[in-house]
Amino acid sequence: MTLFTFNTKAEDLADKVLVEKSKNKMTLFKKGKEIENYHVVFGGNPVGHKEQEGDQRTPEGKYVLDFKKPNSAYFKAIHISYPNAQDVARAKSKGKSAGGDIMIHGQKNGFETLQTQTQKFNWTIGCIALTNEDMDSFWNKIKTPTNIEIRP
């Protein structure tokens, strides 16, 4: 596995992340100014808000990137604070679990060589995926906690 490193200054860290599912785009902002954007892919059933565990949807709404997980089954991972209280209540009203463990991550460990192909379609179970190089860049531009908004 290749590791990429960047020397990011504190003043270059993003203070907000915007994900636009319909554009497969994730944009980082600092004080309202765009500082970086990435091509991303989602769960295998990407249209609509995540309603329950196993629906292969990526949540929509306002959340927080609340911790980094360097030792993941994927090349680095940053946790999204899904589910919130509304998500839990919505799923519970249907007799279902809201699910959880939604992350922004790189490629599955051992499958890095396929990233040119995997980033052409939605393949996660509800997470947001980047190439490993982009994940390394993103990792170095994010501190936790950081606000994230995921739009349709």
C-alpha atoms as a PDB file:
ATOM      1  CA  MET A   1       0.000   0.000   0.000  1.00  0.00           C
ATOM      2  CA  THR A   2       1.318   3.437  -0.913  1.00  0.00           C
ATOM      3  CA  LEU A   3       1.006   6.153   1.693  1.00  0.00           C
ATOM      4  CA  PHE A   4       0.718   9.753   0.640  1.00  0.00           C
ATOM      5  CA  THR A   5       1.649  12.572   2.978  1.00  0.00           C
ATOM      6  CA  PHE A   6       1.100  16.287   2.831  1.00  0.00           C
ATOM      7  CA  ASN A   7       2.263  19.059   5.112  1.00  0.00           C
ATOM      8  CA  THR A   8      -0.960  20.897   5.859  1.00  0.00           C
ATOM      9  CA  LYS A   9      -0.864  24.028   7.968  1.00  0.00           C
ATOM     10  CA  ALA A  10      -3.605  24.577  10.559  1.00  0.00           C
ATOM     11  CA  GLU A  11      -4.872  27.588   8.611  1.00  0.00           C
ATOM     12  CA  ASP A  12      -5.383  25.340   5.554  1.00  0.00           C
ATOM     13  CA  LEU A  13      -7.717  22.918   7.339  1.00  0.00           C
ATOM     14  CA  ALA A  14     -11.324  22.836   6.188  1.00  0.00           C
ATOM     15  CA  ASP A  15     -14.072  24.072   8.491  1.00  0.00           C
ATOM     16  CA  LYS A  16     -16.969  22.626   6.448  1.00  0.00           C
ATOM     17  CA  VAL A  17     -17.520  19.760   4.023  1.00  0.00           C
ATOM     18  CA  LEU A  18     -20.298  19.721   1.434  1.00  0.00           C
ATOM     19  CA  VAL A  19     -21.246  16.522  -0.382  1.00  0.00           C
ATOM     20  CA  GLU A  20     -23.485  16.684  -3.448  1.00  0.00           C
ATOM     21  CA  LYS A  21     -24.623  13.144  -4.211  1.00  0.00           C
ATOM     22  CA  SER A  22     -26.137  14.007  -7.604  1.00  0.00           C
ATOM     23  CA  LYS A  23     -22.765  15.379  -8.746  1.00  0.00           C
ATOM     24  CA  ASN A  24     -20.570  12.726  -7.050  1.00  0.00           C
ATOM     25  CA  LYS A  25     -18.707  15.673  -5.569  1.00  0.00           C
ATOM     26  CA  MET A  26     -17.301  16.509  -2.140  1.00  0.00           C
ATOM     27  CA  THR A  27     -16.100  20.074  -1.545  1.00  0.00           C
ATOM     28  CA  LEU A  28     -14.037  21.410   1.355  1.00  0.00           C
ATOM     29  CA  PHE A  29     -14.474  24.987   2.541  1.00  0.00           C
ATOM     30  CA  LYS A  30     -12.517  27.325   4.792  1.00  0.00           C
ATOM     31  CA  LYS A  31     -14.327  30.488   5.910  1.00  0.00           C
ATOM     32  CA  GLY A  32     -16.801  30.101   3.039  1.00  0.00           C
ATOM     33  CA  LYS A  33     -14.111  29.732   0.375  1.00  0.00           C
ATOM     34  CA  GLU A  34     -13.716  26.498  -1.598  1.00  0.00           C
ATOM     35  CA  ILE A  35     -10.294  24.993  -0.940  1.00  0.00           C
ATOM     36  CA  GLU A  36     -10.567  21.518  -2.512  1.00  0.00           C
ATOM     37  CA  ASN A  37     -13.000  19.164  -4.186  1.00  0.00           C
ATOM     38  CA  TYR A  38     -13.009  15.435  -4.820  1.00  0.00           C
ATOM     39  CA  HIS A  39     -14.878  12.886  -6.933  1.00  0.00           C
ATOM     40  CA  VAL A  40     -16.717  10.506  -4.584  1.00  0.00           C
ATOM     41  CA  VAL A  41     -19.026   7.508  -4.848  1.00  0.00           C
ATOM     42  CA  PHE A  42     -21.732   6.242  -2.515  1.00  0.00           C
ATOM     43  CA  GLY A  43     -23.837   3.279  -1.513  1.00  0.00           C
ATOM     44  CA  GLY A  44     -25.223   0.986  -4.179  1.00  0.00           C
ATOM     45  CA  ASN A  45     -28.698   2.582  -3.786  1.00  0.00           C
ATOM     46  CA  PRO A  46     -27.670   6.260  -3.701  1.00  0.00           C
ATOM     47  CA  VAL A  47     -30.954   8.117  -4.321  1.00  0.00           C
ATOM     48  CA  GLY A  48     -32.696   9.293  -1.177  1.00  0.00           C
ATOM     49  CA  HIS A  49     -31.843   9.592   2.508  1.00  0.00           C
ATOM     50  CA  LYS A  50     -30.653   6.558   4.449  1.00  0.00           C
ATOM     51  CA  GLU A  51     -33.724   5.171   6.211  1.00  0.00           C
ATOM     52  CA  GLN A  52     -32.525   1.954   7.767  1.00  0.00           C
ATOM     53  CA  GLU A  53     -29.634  -0.426   8.169  1.00  0.00           C
ATOM     54  CA  GLY A  54     -28.920  -2.368   5.003  1.00  0.00           C
ATOM     55  CA  ASP A  55     -30.652  -0.039   2.518  1.00  0.00           C
ATOM     56  CA  GLN A  56     -27.298   0.831   0.844  1.00  0.00           C
ATOM     57  CA  ARG A  57     -28.100   4.541   0.985  1.00  0.00           C
ATOM     58  CA  THR A  58     -25.816   7.344   2.057  1.00  0.00           C
ATOM     59  CA  PRO A  59     -27.437   9.692   4.603  1.00  0.00           C
ATOM     60  CA  GLU A  60     -28.527  13.205   3.651  1.00  0.00           C
ATOM     61  CA  GLY A  61     -28.532  16.154   6.021  1.00  0.00           C
ATOM     62  CA  LYS A  62     -26.223  17.906   8.449  1.00  0.00           C
ATOM     63  CA  TYR A  63     -23.822  15.806  10.488  1.00  0.00           C
ATOM     64  CA  VAL A  64     -20.346  16.026  12.023  1.00  0.00           C
ATOM     65  CA  LEU A  65     -17.107  14.297  11.080  1.00  0.00           C
ATOM     66  CA  ASP A  66     -16.407  13.227  14.636  1.00  0.00           C
ATOM     67  CA  PHE A  67     -13.385  10.918  14.632  1.00  0.00           C
ATOM     68  CA  LYS A  68     -10.643   9.510  12.437  1.00  0.00           C
ATOM     69  CA  LYS A  69      -9.991   5.784  12.144  1.00  0.00           C
ATOM     70  CA  PRO A  70      -6.513   5.169  10.707  1.00  0.00           C
ATOM     71  CA  ASN A  71      -6.716   1.365  11.078  1.00  0.00           C
ATOM     72  CA  SER A  72      -9.780   0.458   9.065  1.00  0.00           C
ATOM     73  CA  ALA A  73     -10.730  -2.277   6.613  1.00  0.00           C
ATOM     74  CA  TYR A  74     -10.443   0.542   4.072  1.00  0.00           C
ATOM     75  CA  PHE A  75      -7.634   3.004   3.409  1.00  0.00           C
ATOM     76  CA  LYS A  76      -8.247   5.391   6.310  1.00  0.00           C
ATOM     77  CA  ALA A  77     -11.731   6.356   7.444  1.00  0.00           C
ATOM     78  CA  ILE A  78     -13.411   9.379   9.002  1.00  0.00           C
ATOM     79  CA  HIS A  79     -16.676   8.739  10.842  1.00  0.00           C
ATOM     80  CA  ILE A  80     -19.898  10.649  10.045  1.00  0.00           C
ATOM     81  CA  SER A  81     -22.164  11.188  13.075  1.00  0.00           C
ATOM     82  CA  TYR A  82     -25.125   9.366  11.492  1.00  0.00           C
ATOM     83  CA  PRO A  83     -27.639   8.463  12.914  1.00  0.00           C
ATOM     84  CA  ASN A  84     -28.947  11.534  14.701  1.00  0.00           C
ATOM     85  CA  ALA A  85     -32.051  11.472  16.918  1.00  0.00           C
ATOM     86  CA  GLN A  86     -34.392  12.072  13.940  1.00  0.00           C
ATOM     87  CA  ASP A  87     -32.789   9.238  11.973  1.00  0.00           C
ATOM     88  CA  VAL A  88     -33.215   6.842  14.902  1.00  0.00           C
ATOM     89  CA  ALA A  89     -36.848   7.884  15.459  1.00  0.00           C
ATOM     90  CA  ARG A  90     -37.686   7.533  11.741  1.00  0.00           C
ATOM     91  CA  ALA A  91     -36.260   4.006  11.568  1.00  0.00           C
ATOM     92  CA  LYS A  92     -37.777   2.999  14.900  1.00  0.00           C
ATOM     93  CA  SER A  93     -41.247   4.113  13.716  1.00  0.00           C
ATOM     94  CA  LYS A  94     -40.881   1.505  10.948  1.00  0.00           C
ATOM     95  CA  GLY A  95     -39.648  -1.155  13.353  1.00  0.00           C
ATOM     96  CA  LYS A  96     -36.132  -0.967  11.896  1.00  0.00           C
ATOM     97  CA  SER A  97     -32.612  -0.033  12.998  1.00  0.00           C
ATOM     98  CA  ALA A  98     -31.199   3.191  11.527  1.00  0.00           C
ATOM     99  CA  GLY A  99     -27.832   1.528  11.088  1.00  0.00           C
ATOM    100  CA  GLY A 100     -24.595   3.391  11.633  1.00  0.00           C
ATOM    101  CA  ASP A 101     -20.856   3.183  11.106  1.00  0.00           C
ATOM    102  CA  ILE A 102     -21.090   5.511   8.096  1.00  0.00           C
ATOM    103  CA  MET A 103     -17.631   6.675   7.040  1.00  0.00           C
ATOM    104  CA  ILE A 104     -15.732   8.573   4.408  1.00  0.00           C
ATOM    105  CA  HIS A 105     -12.970   6.215   3.334  1.00  0.00           C
ATOM    106  CA  GLY A 106     -10.558   5.135   0.630  1.00  0.00           C
ATOM    107  CA  GLN A 107     -10.484   1.791  -1.118  1.00  0.00           C
ATOM    108  CA  LYS A 108     -10.919  -1.560   0.571  1.00  0.00           C
ATOM    109  CA  ASN A 109      -7.527  -2.771   1.731  1.00  0.00           C
ATOM    110  CA  GLY A 110      -6.039  -5.141  -0.832  1.00  0.00           C
ATOM    111  CA  PHE A 111      -8.103  -3.725  -3.703  1.00  0.00           C
ATOM    112  CA  GLU A 112      -6.238  -0.433  -4.276  1.00  0.00           C
ATOM    113  CA  THR A 113      -5.272  -1.403  -7.823  1.00  0.00           C
ATOM    114  CA  LEU A 114      -8.955  -1.435  -8.815  1.00  0.00           C
ATOM    115  CA  GLN A 115      -9.688   2.141  -7.717  1.00  0.00           C
ATOM    116  CA  THR A 116      -9.743   3.509 -11.264  1.00  0.00           C
ATOM    117  CA  GLN A 117     -12.664   1.161 -11.920  1.00  0.00           C
ATOM    118  CA  THR A 118     -14.400   1.242  -8.528  1.00  0.00           C
ATOM    119  CA  GLN A 119     -14.670   5.023  -8.551  1.00  0.00           C
ATOM    120  CA  LYS A 120     -16.845   4.813 -11.685  1.00  0.00           C
ATOM    121  CA  PHE A 121     -19.861   3.351  -9.819  1.00  0.00           C
ATOM    122  CA  ASN A 122     -21.559   3.408  -6.412  1.00  0.00           C
ATOM    123  CA  TRP A 123     -20.197   0.405  -4.539  1.00  0.00           C
ATOM    124  CA  THR A 124     -20.229   1.063  -0.790  1.00  0.00           C
ATOM    125  CA  ILE A 125     -22.930  -0.061   1.642  1.00  0.00           C
ATOM    126  CA  GLY A 126     -23.750   3.576   2.475  1.00  0.00           C
ATOM    127  CA  CYS A 127     -20.382   5.209   2.996  1.00  0.00           C
ATOM    128  CA  ILE A 128     -18.622   7.834   0.868  1.00  0.00           C
ATOM    129  CA  ALA A 129     -15.558   6.535  -0.994  1.00  0.00           C
ATOM    130  CA  LEU A 130     -12.551   8.239  -2.591  1.00  0.00           C
ATOM    131  CA  THR A 131      -9.371   7.035  -4.255  1.00  0.00           C
ATOM    132  CA  ASN A 132      -6.612   6.411  -1.722  1.00  0.00           C
ATOM    133  CA  GLU A 133      -4.644   9.441  -2.914  1.00  0.00           C
ATOM    134  CA  ASP A 134      -7.713  11.656  -2.508  1.00  0.00           C
ATOM    135  CA  MET A 135      -8.467  10.090   0.882  1.00  0.00           C
ATOM    136  CA  ASP A 136      -4.967  10.909   2.064  1.00  0.00           C
ATOM    137  CA  SER A 137      -5.371  14.517   0.897  1.00  0.00           C
ATOM    138  CA  PHE A 138      -8.810  14.768   2.552  1.00  0.00           C
ATOM    139  CA  TRP A 139      -7.501  13.195   5.779  1.00  0.00           C
ATOM    140  CA  ASN A 140      -4.781  15.847   5.999  1.00  0.00           C
ATOM    141  CA  LYS A 141      -7.214  18.737   5.435  1.00  0.00           C
ATOM    142  CA  ILE A 142      -9.741  17.685   8.079  1.00  0.00           C
ATOM    143  CA  LYS A 143      -9.639  17.941  11.830  1.00  0.00           C
ATOM    144  CA  THR A 144     -12.356  16.463  13.986  1.00  0.00           C
ATOM    145  CA  PRO A 145     -14.934  17.636  14.692  1.00  0.00           C
ATOM    146  CA  THR A 146     -15.845  19.275  11.353  1.00  0.00           C
ATOM    147  CA  ASN A 147     -19.365  19.936  10.041  1.00  0.00           C
ATOM    148  CA  ILE A 148     -20.528  18.012   6.970  1.00  0.00           C
ATOM    149  CA  GLU A 149     -23.643  18.553   4.906  1.00  0.00           C
ATOM    150  CA  ILE A 150     -24.752  15.818   2.527  1.00  0.00           C
ATOM    151  CA  ARG A 151     -27.202  16.938  -0.165  1.00  0.00           C
ATOM    152  CA  PRO A 152     -29.180  14.851  -2.659  1.00  0.00           C
END
